[in-house]
C-alpha cells in the first residue's frame, strides 16, 4: 500500500431481533475501540515510513447521532456480532 487510504469503521450493536442483545457499547468501549483503530493504522503508517513509503489513512467512524440521547450510537443490527464467528461475518 501507498498513498492515502480512506477507511470506514462501523461499530455494530444488536437490537435483539434475531440474537439476544447480550452486549451493549458503553462510552468507554466506543472510545477504546476508536483508540485501537487509530493505533493499528498508525502502526502501518509508521511501518511504511520506516521503508520510505508514504502512507496515511483517513478514518471515518460511521456511527449514528441520536437526537434522543444527543450522542453517537453504533449501527443497529439484528444479530449480536460479538457472538458470531468470522465465518458468519456476512450476518
Protein backbone atom coordinates (compact mmCIF):
# COMPACT_ATOMS: atom_id res chain seq x y z
CA UNK A 1 0.00 0.00 0.00
CA UNK A 2 1.00 3.57 -0.52
CA UNK A 3 -0.70 6.94 -0.63
CA UNK A 4 -3.81 7.99 1.27
CA UNK A 5 -6.38 5.34 2.14
CA UNK A 6 -9.91 6.01 3.34
CA UNK A 7 -11.31 3.61 5.93
CA UNK A 8 -14.94 3.36 7.07
CA UNK A 9 -15.43 1.91 10.57
CA UNK A 10 -18.86 0.60 11.54
CA UNK A 11 -19.47 -0.31 15.16
CA UNK A 12 -22.40 -2.71 15.31
CA UNK A 13 -24.82 -3.31 18.18
CA UNK A 14 -27.61 -5.86 18.39
CA UNK A 15 -31.19 -4.67 18.65
CA UNK A 16 -32.27 -8.13 19.86
CA UNK A 17 -34.39 -9.02 16.82
CA UNK A 18 -32.65 -12.32 15.91
CA UNK A 19 -29.99 -12.84 18.58
CA UNK A 20 -30.44 -11.83 22.20
CA UNK A 21 -28.96 -8.42 22.93
CA UNK A 22 -26.23 -9.60 25.31
CA UNK A 23 -23.70 -6.76 24.98
CA UNK A 24 -24.09 -3.03 24.61
CA UNK A 25 -21.44 -0.41 23.82
CA UNK A 26 -20.60 1.96 26.64
CA UNK A 27 -18.98 5.32 26.00
CA UNK A 28 -15.73 3.87 27.34
CA UNK A 29 -15.99 0.88 24.95
CA UNK A 30 -16.52 3.20 22.00
CA UNK A 31 -13.51 5.33 23.00
CA UNK A 32 -11.33 2.24 23.43
CA UNK A 33 -12.37 0.86 20.04
CA UNK A 34 -11.65 4.21 18.39
CA UNK A 35 -8.21 4.40 20.01
CA UNK A 36 -7.39 0.83 18.93
CA UNK A 37 -8.40 1.56 15.32
CA UNK A 38 -6.25 4.70 15.22
CA UNK A 39 -3.36 2.84 16.87
CA UNK A 40 -3.49 0.00 14.35
CA UNK A 41 -3.46 2.30 11.32
CA UNK A 42 -0.70 4.44 12.86
CA UNK A 43 1.35 1.26 13.21
CA UNK A 44 1.03 0.55 9.47
CA UNK A 45 1.78 4.16 8.52
CA UNK A 46 4.91 4.04 10.69
CA UNK A 47 6.00 0.71 9.17
CA UNK A 48 5.64 2.22 5.69
CA UNK A 49 7.55 5.37 6.69
CA UNK A 50 10.41 3.23 8.01
CA UNK A 51 10.68 1.81 4.47
CA UNK A 52 10.47 5.18 2.74
CA UNK A 53 6.85 4.74 1.66
CA UNK A 54 4.30 7.50 2.12
CA UNK A 55 1.12 6.04 3.60
CA UNK A 56 -1.68 7.69 5.50
CA UNK A 57 -5.20 6.78 6.50
CA UNK A 58 -8.36 8.83 6.67
CA UNK A 59 -10.54 7.08 9.23
CA UNK A 60 -14.27 7.77 9.27
CA UNK A 61 -16.17 6.21 12.16
CA UNK A 62 -19.73 5.75 10.93
CA UNK A 63 -21.95 6.00 14.00
CA UNK A 64 -25.43 7.46 14.07
CA UNK A 65 -26.15 10.65 16.01
CA UNK A 66 -29.22 10.06 18.17
CA UNK A 67 -31.36 13.13 18.56
CA UNK A 68 -32.97 11.49 21.61
CA UNK A 69 -29.81 10.85 23.61
CA UNK A 70 -27.79 13.63 21.89
CA UNK A 71 -24.82 11.29 21.40
CA UNK A 72 -23.39 8.95 18.81
CA UNK A 73 -24.60 5.34 18.88
CA UNK A 74 -23.40 2.24 16.99
CA UNK A 75 -25.20 0.95 13.90
CA UNK A 76 -28.12 -1.29 14.82
CA UNK A 77 -28.17 -4.90 13.60
CA UNK A 78 -30.49 -7.81 14.35
CA UNK A 79 -27.55 -10.08 15.21
CA UNK A 80 -25.22 -9.99 18.22
CA UNK A 81 -21.93 -9.51 16.32
CA UNK A 82 -19.57 -10.47 19.13
CA UNK A 83 -21.09 -13.94 19.50
CA UNK A 84 -20.66 -14.78 15.79
CA UNK A 85 -17.60 -16.44 14.28
CA UNK A 86 -15.58 -14.86 11.49
CA UNK A 87 -17.22 -17.28 9.03
CA UNK A 88 -20.53 -15.55 9.80
CA UNK A 89 -19.25 -12.02 9.15
CA UNK A 90 -21.85 -11.58 6.40
CA UNK A 91 -24.55 -11.55 9.10
